[in-house]
Structures are given as structure tokens and as C-alpha cells.
Amino acid sequence: MTILTRFCKLAVIVLLFSISACTSVSNQTILIPPPVTENQSFTLYPVESSEQIFTLSDTITQQLDAAFPSTKHNLNTTRKLLNFLLENGDASLLYQAGATLTANQAYRDLNANCLSLSILAYSIAEYLGMQGQFQTVHIPEYWALNKGYNLLTGHINLIVTQRRNNHTNVTYVYDAKTSLVIDFDPNSRGEKFQTTPISKQRITAMFYNNKGAAAMLNQNYDLAYSYFLAATKADKYYSAAWGNLAVLLRLDSQYDNAELAYNYALLLNNDNNTALGNLALLYQLTDRPELADKILYKLDLKRQSNPYYHVSLGNNAYLGQNYQDAIKHFNKAKRIDDNIHDSYFGLARTYYQLGDFKQAYRQLRLANKHADFDHDKQRYQNKLQALSDMTARVINH
């Protein structure tokens, strides 16, 4: 499984790697990374620089200058632009969980995840004289299925304030009158999740980590290594990047190096359940089942109350064609939280495989009802139409 940054938020069962772009932990202790990147045979490719990730193009800045004269660079005028980015996430800035883009690419292509949209909002706010502060949002563990892998995703948002005067003795606090929270996930906006400030360096590492995970999904291991290496250099304390690097090393049969990287990821963040689950997988591969079982039992108990965990188990059962088990897991997820569209979609495609088209259609309608984003709703509408057309052809045959 891999850690990725989802929404923003690109995982144990099939825990191969976790794409985490929205998950992070800060560590002040001086730790020495393991020498797993020495004498590697991977071919290094160039990756985006930090400037390329955050810098706005002349075209964008010219549009900003025209819309916001320099005499009006304040939170109230900036609020209009940032609210536009927030409120038009589906119509103007198409949210896509797996699309990790630079600020310029997100603005140009209108197709990005929450990490990229937050980077874009940060860069715009900074250009307009505001001060941006990224935050990790401590959401429950969330898994998304991508190319047969369960990807654990995280989430970040951005708080924008007036530029502070560093030459005074004033202590600044965030409040609704002087700050604006930019959050591209409607679920996160509706909940009061705890947040932790994170640095621009951590965001840069998250960007590289997401890109590396995407490359790893595509089996482009040299490019994946290039991004994971860049992530560990951008922020050597970013646990998720070390965990994903460990996955890549395991895929390259470097079991000793992978174990060192997993343990370092856990040293940086002992709550990195993805790295812990992947370490259990490594124990299984290296004939240490007792150690693996101990970890997996502990993780299973910890995750029983998380509906997304059961969605993940259901997806794994579905991929293994264990359809009755899949139904049990999706139903358990639904009993814990009946507002998650992933559960209904899992049930829909499982019933479809079993030939129960009536139930498949019913569950698809529920998935569509509970979907948050327009692109998810459109996807379900298309599947509903296709299923309806197919059923009509069968009846009229």
C-alpha cells in the first residue's frame, strides 16, 4: 500500500504503498537516515524544482494584476478570488484525486487534486500580499482504489491571513475576521477535524511523494525513485516518503534496504500505519509470519471502527472474486457510516458481477445520491445509464 495525498487527500491487506500528499508529521529530533539511497542502480530523472511547483507564470500574474490593483491587496478582495477557487471546484477547477500538478498546471488545466489546488491558492495569496499557512487535516484513514492497489490518502488545507508585521511585539492568532480557510474537500469543510501547521518544504515533499507514487503505479520505477529521493531531500523527516521509498525497494527485491526504510519511517512517525502494515507484508515475504501476524492483528483491531477500512477490505475481496465477502465488508462500512458513496458503489459492482442487476442499479443510485463531487456523480450517472440500457436490451431480447 502507498500513502498519497488525497483530495488533495495521490495503502494492509494489499498494502503495497501509500501515496500521501496530505499526511504529515513533524519531527524535531535529529535523526540520521539509513543509507538506503547509496549505490542505487536506479536511473535518476530530473524532477520539478520547488520554484517550478509554486511560481506563477507571467500570464497568471498579469491577470491577477488586472483583477486586483496593488492598492487593494487585502484579505477582503483576496477572499473573492479564493472563494471562487473553493466554490467552483467542480465547474472551474475540476477536482481529481490523482492529479498532482504545479500551480501553473493546475491553473491552466483546471484539473487537479487538493494538494495542487492548495498550492495554487497559496501561490496566488502570496502574490497578492497575503500570508499562506498549509495545514494537515487529521481525517480518519481513507483508502482509494487505483489500478488494483488500495491507496491511503491524506488531506491538507490552507489558511490565509493578512501579512504580519514582524517588527512589532503583537501576537497573532487566527480568527474568522482576519483569516480565510481554503479547503477543497466538502467533507473536511463540514467537520471540525484537528489541524497541524506544516511547512512549504513538507508540501514540496508531498508533491514529490505523490508523483513518485503515481510513477510506481505505472511501474516506472526509475522515475518513482527520482521523486521519492527528491521527497526525502526536500523534507528528511517526512515519514510517508520513506515508507513509499521502502515499498519501491521491496518491489526491487531490496528487502534489507526496504526494512531499514520502513523502520526509519516508523521512527519518524510511529502512527504511520501504512508503513507498519507494509512492514508486516515484508515480514511475510521474508518468512517471519509471527512478526507479520502480530502487526496485522493490532492494525485490524485499531481500524475496525473506520468505514473506509472495510471499504478497502471489500475492494480487496472484490478483486479476488470473493464476492460474498466483499458484500459483507461493504455492508459493514455502510452500517458504520451510511453516507459514504464508496460503499454503495462497491456493492453495486459486486452485485453486477453476481448477475443481480436490480440490486446493482439500486446501489448505484445510492452511490450517486451520496457522492460529493460532480465528476463522481457524472461517473455514476453514466454507469446507471449503461446498466439501464443493458437491462432493456436483455428484456427486449
Protein backbone atom coordinates (compact mmCIF):
# COMPACT_ATOMS: atom_id res chain seq x y z
CA MET A 1 0.00 0.00 0.00
CA THR A 2 1.12 3.51 -0.59
CA ILE A 3 0.50 6.83 1.06
CA LEU A 4 -0.80 9.54 -1.16
CA THR A 5 -2.35 12.86 -0.62
CA ARG A 6 -5.96 12.62 -1.33
CA PHE A 7 -8.49 15.14 -2.33
CA CYS A 8 -5.62 16.81 -2.24
CA LYS A 9 -6.03 13.96 0.03
CA LEU A 10 -2.25 10.51 -4.80
CA ALA A 11 -2.26 1.60 1.26
CA VAL A 12 -2.98 -3.58 4.58
CA ILE A 13 -4.40 -6.38 3.03
CA VAL A 14 -2.84 -5.46 -0.27
CA LEU A 15 -0.81 -2.77 1.41
CA LEU A 16 1.72 -2.17 -1.26
CA PHE A 17 2.25 1.50 -0.88
CA SER A 18 0.67 4.66 0.32
CA ILE A 19 0.57 7.89 -1.62
CA SER A 20 0.50 10.58 0.96
CA ALA A 21 0.45 14.08 -0.10
CA CYS A 22 -1.80 15.28 2.55
CA THR A 23 -0.48 13.40 5.51
CA SER A 24 2.46 14.54 7.53
CA VAL A 25 4.27 14.56 10.83
CA SER A 26 6.86 16.99 12.03
CA ASN A 27 9.83 15.74 14.00
CA GLN A 28 12.33 17.96 15.74
CA THR A 29 14.68 15.18 16.82
CA ILE A 30 17.94 14.92 14.92
CA LEU A 31 17.83 11.52 13.24
CA ILE A 32 20.22 10.00 10.76
CA PRO A 33 18.50 8.46 7.71
CA PRO A 34 19.52 4.92 6.78
CA PRO A 35 21.98 4.62 3.87
CA VAL A 36 19.40 3.01 1.57
CA THR A 37 19.92 5.54 -1.23
CA GLU A 38 23.64 4.85 -1.54
CA ASN A 39 24.93 2.99 -4.60
CA GLN A 40 21.47 2.58 -6.10
CA SER A 41 21.10 1.23 -9.63
CA PHE A 42 18.01 3.31 -10.45
CA THR A 43 18.36 5.85 -13.26
CA LEU A 44 17.74 9.36 -11.96
CA TYR A 45 15.40 11.65 -13.88
CA PRO A 46 15.03 15.41 -13.38
CA VAL A 47 12.03 16.47 -11.29
CA GLU A 48 10.30 19.80 -10.82
CA SER A 49 12.13 22.29 -8.64
CA SER A 50 10.40 24.00 -5.73
CA GLU A 51 10.25 27.18 -7.79
CA GLN A 52 8.56 25.34 -10.64
CA ILE A 53 5.99 23.91 -8.22
CA PHE A 54 4.97 27.24 -6.68
CA THR A 55 5.89 30.07 -9.08
CA LEU A 56 3.06 31.60 -11.10
CA SER A 57 3.55 32.30 -14.80
CA ASP A 58 3.59 35.83 -16.21
CA THR A 59 0.20 35.17 -17.78
CA ILE A 60 -1.35 34.38 -14.40
CA THR A 61 0.27 37.31 -12.59
CA GLN A 62 -0.85 39.70 -15.34
CA GLN A 63 -4.42 38.50 -14.88
CA LEU A 64 -4.10 38.94 -11.12
CA ASP A 65 -2.68 42.45 -11.53
CA ALA A 66 -5.60 43.39 -13.75
CA ALA A 67 -8.20 41.97 -11.37
CA PHE A 68 -6.59 43.18 -8.14
CA PRO A 69 -4.81 46.55 -8.27
CA SER A 70 -1.92 46.80 -5.84
CA THR A 71 -3.79 49.32 -3.70
CA LYS A 72 -6.47 46.71 -2.98
CA HIS A 73 -4.34 43.77 -1.92
CA ASN A 74 -6.12 42.85 1.28
CA LEU A 75 -7.97 39.89 2.71
CA ASN A 76 -11.40 41.11 1.64
CA THR A 77 -10.50 41.44 -2.03
CA THR A 78 -8.44 38.27 -1.99
CA ARG A 79 -11.38 36.45 -0.41
CA LYS A 80 -13.34 36.86 -3.64
CA LEU A 81 -10.72 35.09 -5.70
CA LEU A 82 -10.05 32.35 -3.17
CA ASN A 83 -13.76 31.77 -2.66
CA PHE A 84 -14.05 31.41 -6.42
CA LEU A 85 -11.44 28.64 -6.33
CA LEU A 86 -13.25 27.00 -3.44
CA GLU A 87 -16.85 27.28 -4.54
CA ASN A 88 -16.22 26.39 -8.17
CA GLY A 89 -14.15 23.30 -7.53
CA ASP A 90 -16.20 21.18 -9.92
CA ALA A 91 -17.16 23.77 -12.54
CA SER A 92 -13.96 25.78 -12.79
CA LEU A 93 -11.27 23.77 -11.04
CA LEU A 94 -12.04 20.13 -11.60
CA TYR A 95 -11.07 18.15 -8.53
CA GLN A 96 -9.29 14.89 -9.38
CA ALA A 97 -7.84 12.81 -6.56
CA GLY A 98 -4.86 11.55 -8.52
CA ALA A 99 -3.77 14.64 -10.44
CA THR A 100 -0.74 16.23 -8.74
CA LEU A 101 0.16 19.40 -10.64
CA THR A 102 2.22 22.54 -10.19
CA ALA A 103 0.43 25.84 -9.55
CA ASN A 104 0.72 26.81 -13.21
CA GLN A 105 -0.54 23.44 -14.44
CA ALA A 106 -3.49 23.49 -12.03
CA TYR A 107 -4.47 26.96 -13.22
CA ARG A 108 -4.01 26.09 -16.89
CA ASP A 109 -5.56 22.62 -16.97
CA LEU A 110 -8.29 23.21 -14.36
CA ASN A 111 -7.81 19.61 -13.30
CA ALA A 112 -6.04 18.85 -10.03
CA ASN A 113 -6.20 17.31 -6.57
CA CYS A 114 -6.46 19.19 -3.29
CA LEU A 115 -2.70 19.34 -2.84
CA SER A 116 -2.28 21.06 -6.20
CA LEU A 117 -5.27 23.36 -5.69
CA SER A 118 -3.90 24.34 -2.28
CA ILE A 119 -0.50 25.05 -3.84
CA LEU A 120 -2.24 27.23 -6.44
CA ALA A 121 -4.25 29.09 -3.79
CA TYR A 122 -1.09 29.57 -1.69
CA SER A 123 0.85 30.99 -4.63
CA ILE A 124 -1.98 33.35 -5.58
CA ALA A 125 -2.41 34.54 -1.99
CA GLU A 126 1.34 35.11 -1.60
CA TYR A 127 1.47 37.06 -4.85
CA LEU A 128 -1.39 39.27 -3.67
CA GLY A 129 0.44 40.07 -0.45
CA MET A 130 -1.33 37.62 1.83
CA GLN A 131 0.34 35.07 4.07
CA GLY A 132 -0.43 31.40 3.49
CA GLN A 133 -0.04 28.59 6.01
CA PHE A 134 -0.54 24.98 4.98
CA GLN A 135 -2.19 22.62 7.44
CA THR A 136 -2.50 18.87 7.72
CA VAL A 137 -6.12 17.90 8.40
CA HIS A 138 -6.26 14.89 10.70
CA ILE A 139 -9.01 12.94 8.98
CA PRO A 140 -9.63 9.21 9.58
CA GLU A 141 -7.62 6.85 7.41
CA TYR A 142 -9.11 6.85 3.92
CA TRP A 143 -8.38 4.39 1.14
CA ALA A 144 -8.97 4.79 -2.58
CA LEU A 145 -8.67 2.03 -5.16
CA ASN A 146 -6.36 2.77 -8.09
CA LYS A 147 -5.12 0.20 -10.63
CA GLY A 148 -5.72 -2.65 -8.23
CA TYR A 149 -3.96 -1.01 -5.28
CA ASN A 150 -5.50 0.36 -2.12
CA LEU A 151 -4.05 3.83 -1.71
CA LEU A 152 -4.17 5.52 1.65
CA THR A 153 -4.82 9.19 1.18
CA GLY A 154 -4.42 12.20 3.44
CA HIS A 155 -5.66 15.76 3.31
CA ILE A 156 -4.40 19.31 3.69
CA ASN A 157 -5.93 22.75 3.56
CA LEU A 158 -4.68 26.32 3.61
CA ILE A 159 -5.28 29.23 5.95
CA VAL A 160 -4.71 32.72 4.52
CA THR A 161 -4.15 35.82 6.66
CA GLN A 162 -3.07 39.42 6.26
CA ARG A 163 0.71 39.76 6.02
CA ARG A 164 2.07 40.06 9.53
CA ASN A 165 4.22 42.92 10.76
CA ASN A 166 7.29 41.20 12.14
CA HIS A 167 8.63 44.43 13.64
CA THR A 168 6.05 44.64 16.42
CA ASN A 169 5.50 42.72 19.63
CA VAL A 170 1.97 41.78 18.62
CA THR A 171 0.98 38.11 18.97
CA TYR A 172 -1.19 36.99 16.05
CA VAL A 173 -3.98 34.43 16.27
CA TYR A 174 -6.21 33.08 13.51
CA ASP A 175 -9.85 34.12 13.65
CA ALA A 176 -12.73 34.36 11.22
CA LYS A 177 -12.29 38.12 10.78
CA THR A 178 -8.63 38.09 9.85
CA SER A 179 -8.18 34.71 8.19
CA LEU A 180 -9.69 32.56 5.48
CA VAL A 181 -9.52 28.76 5.42
CA ILE A 182 -9.32 27.26 1.94
CA ASP A 183 -10.38 23.62 1.88
CA PHE A 184 -11.20 21.78 -1.33
CA ASP A 185 -12.86 18.80 0.33
CA PRO A 186 -16.54 19.31 1.23
CA ASN A 187 -16.40 16.55 3.85
CA SER A 188 -13.48 18.18 5.61
CA ARG A 189 -15.17 21.59 5.49
CA GLY A 190 -18.23 20.12 7.16
CA GLU A 191 -16.31 18.58 10.03
CA LYS A 192 -14.18 20.09 12.78
CA PHE A 193 -11.08 18.00 12.28
CA GLN A 194 -7.90 18.84 14.15
CA THR A 195 -5.23 20.54 12.07
CA THR A 196 -1.46 20.94 12.36
CA PRO A 197 0.60 23.62 10.56
CA ILE A 198 3.11 22.25 8.05
CA SER A 199 5.93 23.90 6.17
CA LYS A 200 6.33 24.70 2.49
CA GLN A 201 9.16 22.16 2.47
CA ARG A 202 6.75 19.46 3.67
CA ILE A 203 4.30 20.40 0.91
CA THR A 204 7.13 20.14 -1.61
CA ALA A 205 7.96 16.68 -0.28
CA MET A 206 4.28 15.71 -0.51
CA PHE A 207 4.23 16.84 -4.15
CA TYR A 208 7.24 14.64 -4.96
CA ASN A 209 5.78 11.78 -2.94
CA ASN A 210 2.51 11.84 -4.86
CA LYS A 211 4.31 11.99 -8.20
CA GLY A 212 6.52 9.10 -7.14
CA ALA A 213 3.55 7.00 -6.09
CA ALA A 214 1.84 7.66 -9.43
CA ALA A 215 5.01 6.62 -11.27
CA MET A 216 5.22 3.49 -9.13
CA LEU A 217 1.63 2.61 -10.02
CA ASN A 218 2.64 2.83 -13.66
CA GLN A 219 5.67 0.61 -12.96
CA ASN A 220 8.03 3.42 -13.95
CA TYR A 221 10.38 2.62 -11.11
CA ASP A 222 13.29 4.86 -12.13
CA LEU A 223 11.01 7.91 -12.19
CA ALA A 224 9.38 6.81 -8.92
CA TYR A 225 12.78 6.56 -7.27
CA SER A 226 13.73 10.00 -8.58
CA TYR A 227 10.64 11.53 -6.97
CA PHE A 228 10.92 9.65 -3.68
CA LEU A 229 14.57 10.63 -3.40
CA ALA A 230 13.60 14.26 -4.04
CA ALA A 231 10.91 14.00 -1.35
CA THR A 232 13.35 12.74 1.27
CA LYS A 233 15.75 15.55 0.38
CA ALA A 234 13.05 18.23 0.48
CA ASP A 235 11.98 17.08 3.95
CA LYS A 236 14.10 14.37 5.52
CA TYR A 237 11.56 13.99 8.33
CA TYR A 238 8.60 13.16 6.07
CA SER A 239 7.67 9.65 7.14
CA ALA A 240 5.35 8.88 4.21
CA ALA A 241 8.09 9.42 1.64
CA TRP A 242 10.40 6.98 3.43
CA GLY A 243 7.54 4.48 3.63
CA ASN A 244 6.88 4.75 -0.09
CA LEU A 245 10.58 4.54 -0.89
CA ALA A 246 10.59 1.33 1.15
CA VAL A 247 7.79 -0.06 -1.00
CA LEU A 248 9.79 0.66 -4.13
CA LEU A 249 12.87 -1.01 -2.65
CA ARG A 250 10.75 -4.04 -1.79
CA LEU A 251 9.44 -4.19 -5.35
CA ASP A 252 13.08 -4.15 -6.47
CA SER A 253 13.75 -7.12 -4.14
CA GLN A 254 15.97 -4.99 -1.88
CA TYR A 255 14.44 -6.48 1.24
CA ASP A 256 17.13 -5.37 3.69
CA ASN A 257 17.05 -1.78 2.47
CA ALA A 258 13.25 -1.81 2.44
CA GLU A 259 13.18 -2.93 6.08
CA LEU A 260 15.59 -0.16 7.05
CA ALA A 261 13.43 2.41 5.28
CA TYR A 262 10.20 1.12 6.87
CA ASN A 263 11.72 1.26 10.33
CA TYR A 264 13.01 4.77 9.72
CA ALA A 265 9.55 5.84 8.55
CA LEU A 266 8.13 4.45 11.79
CA LEU A 267 10.85 6.15 13.82
CA LEU A 268 9.78 9.45 12.29
CA ASN A 269 6.09 8.72 12.88
CA ASN A 270 5.05 5.73 14.97
CA ASP A 271 1.46 6.32 13.84
CA ASN A 272 2.33 5.62 10.20
CA ASN A 273 0.05 2.60 9.96
CA THR A 274 0.75 2.22 6.26
CA ALA A 275 4.46 1.70 6.83
CA LEU A 276 3.64 -0.66 9.69
CA GLY A 277 1.29 -2.71 7.52
CA ASN A 278 3.80 -2.80 4.69
CA LEU A 279 6.47 -3.93 7.14
CA ALA A 280 4.17 -6.83 8.01
CA LEU A 281 3.97 -7.69 4.32
CA LEU A 282 7.76 -7.65 4.16
CA TYR A 283 7.89 -9.99 7.15
CA GLN A 284 5.59 -12.37 5.30
CA LEU A 285 7.78 -12.26 2.21
CA THR A 286 10.88 -12.98 4.28
CA ASP A 287 9.42 -15.95 6.21
CA ARG A 288 8.71 -14.17 9.50
CA PRO A 289 4.95 -14.85 9.79
CA GLU A 290 4.81 -14.45 13.58
CA LEU A 291 6.02 -10.84 13.39
CA ALA A 292 3.68 -10.13 10.49
CA ASP A 293 0.63 -11.60 12.22
CA LYS A 294 1.28 -9.59 15.36
CA ILE A 295 1.28 -6.34 13.40
CA LEU A 296 -1.75 -7.20 11.26
CA TYR A 297 -3.82 -8.23 14.28
CA LYS A 298 -3.03 -4.95 16.03
CA LEU A 299 -3.88 -2.90 12.93
CA ASP A 300 -7.11 -4.78 12.32
CA LEU A 301 -8.34 -4.05 15.86
CA LYS A 302 -7.38 -0.41 15.50
CA ARG A 303 -9.25 0.02 12.22
CA GLN A 304 -12.48 -1.84 12.93
CA SER A 305 -14.42 1.37 13.58
CA ASN A 306 -13.22 3.02 10.36
CA PRO A 307 -15.72 2.54 7.49
CA TYR A 308 -13.06 3.19 4.86
CA TYR A 309 -11.06 0.25 6.20
CA HIS A 310 -13.99 -2.04 5.47
CA VAL A 311 -14.39 -0.46 2.02
CA SER A 312 -10.73 -1.31 1.46
CA LEU A 313 -11.30 -4.89 2.60
CA GLY A 314 -14.32 -5.08 0.34
CA ASN A 315 -12.31 -3.86 -2.63
CA ASN A 316 -9.66 -6.48 -1.94
CA ALA A 317 -12.29 -9.23 -1.71
CA TYR A 318 -13.87 -7.99 -4.95
CA LEU A 319 -10.55 -8.07 -6.79
CA GLY A 320 -10.06 -11.62 -5.52
CA GLN A 321 -13.55 -12.51 -6.82
CA ASN A 322 -14.67 -13.31 -3.27
CA TYR A 323 -17.96 -11.54 -3.87
CA GLN A 324 -19.87 -12.67 -0.78
CA ASP A 325 -17.02 -11.46 1.46
CA ALA A 326 -16.97 -8.20 -0.46
CA ILE A 327 -20.68 -7.68 0.22
CA LYS A 328 -20.12 -8.30 3.93
CA HIS A 329 -17.35 -5.72 4.11
CA PHE A 330 -19.22 -3.07 2.13
CA ASN A 331 -22.32 -3.58 4.28
CA LYS A 332 -20.25 -3.25 7.44
CA ALA A 333 -18.81 0.01 6.16
CA LYS A 334 -22.35 1.19 5.44
CA ARG A 335 -23.50 0.28 8.96
CA ILE A 336 -20.72 2.40 10.43
CA ASP A 337 -21.42 5.37 8.13
CA ASP A 338 -24.25 5.23 5.60
CA ASN A 339 -23.19 8.46 3.85
CA ILE A 340 -20.11 7.08 2.08
CA HIS A 341 -20.68 6.63 -1.65
CA ASP A 342 -17.75 4.20 -1.93
CA SER A 343 -19.70 1.53 0.00
CA TYR A 344 -22.67 1.71 -2.33
CA PHE A 345 -20.50 1.65 -5.43
CA GLY A 346 -18.65 -1.38 -4.09
CA LEU A 347 -21.96 -3.15 -3.55
CA ALA A 348 -23.19 -2.12 -6.99
CA ARG A 349 -20.31 -3.59 -8.92
CA THR A 350 -20.27 -6.71 -6.74
CA TYR A 351 -23.96 -7.38 -7.37
CA TYR A 352 -23.33 -6.74 -11.05
CA GLN A 353 -20.71 -9.50 -11.08
CA LEU A 354 -23.23 -11.79 -9.39
CA GLY A 355 -25.81 -11.03 -12.06
CA ASP A 356 -28.17 -9.19 -9.70
CA PHE A 357 -28.73 -6.16 -11.93
CA LYS A 358 -31.68 -4.88 -9.89
CA GLN A 359 -29.56 -4.58 -6.75
CA ALA A 360 -26.66 -3.19 -8.77
CA TYR A 361 -28.89 -0.44 -10.15
CA ARG A 362 -30.28 0.34 -6.68
CA GLN A 363 -26.82 0.62 -5.12
CA LEU A 364 -25.58 2.77 -7.98
CA ARG A 365 -28.42 5.20 -7.38
CA LEU A 366 -27.44 5.40 -3.72
CA ALA A 367 -23.79 5.93 -4.67
CA ASN A 368 -24.86 8.78 -6.92
CA LYS A 369 -27.02 10.26 -4.15
CA HIS A 370 -24.18 10.31 -1.63
CA ALA A 371 -21.36 11.41 -3.98
CA ASP A 372 -19.74 14.73 -3.07
CA PHE A 373 -18.20 15.84 -6.36
CA ASP A 374 -19.85 16.43 -9.71
CA HIS A 375 -17.34 14.22 -11.53
CA ASP A 376 -18.27 11.30 -9.24
CA LYS A 377 -21.96 11.96 -9.81
CA GLN A 378 -21.41 12.06 -13.57
CA ARG A 379 -19.48 8.79 -13.41
CA TYR A 380 -22.34 7.12 -11.56
CA GLN A 381 -24.92 8.63 -13.91
CA ASN A 382 -23.04 7.16 -16.87
CA LYS A 383 -22.94 3.73 -15.24
CA LEU A 384 -26.64 3.95 -14.38
CA GLN A 385 -27.47 4.77 -17.97
CA ALA A 386 -25.26 1.95 -19.28
CA LEU A 387 -26.81 -0.53 -16.86
CA SER A 388 -30.30 0.64 -17.75
CA ASP A 389 -29.60 0.28 -21.48
CA MET A 390 -28.13 -3.19 -21.00
CA THR A 391 -31.09 -4.34 -18.92
CA ALA A 392 -33.51 -3.00 -21.55
CA ARG A 393 -31.74 -4.96 -24.27
CA VAL A 394 -31.93 -8.16 -22.20
CA ILE A 395 -35.67 -7.68 -21.54
CA ASN A 396 -36.42 -6.94 -25.20
CA HIS A 397 -34.29 -9.80 -26.50
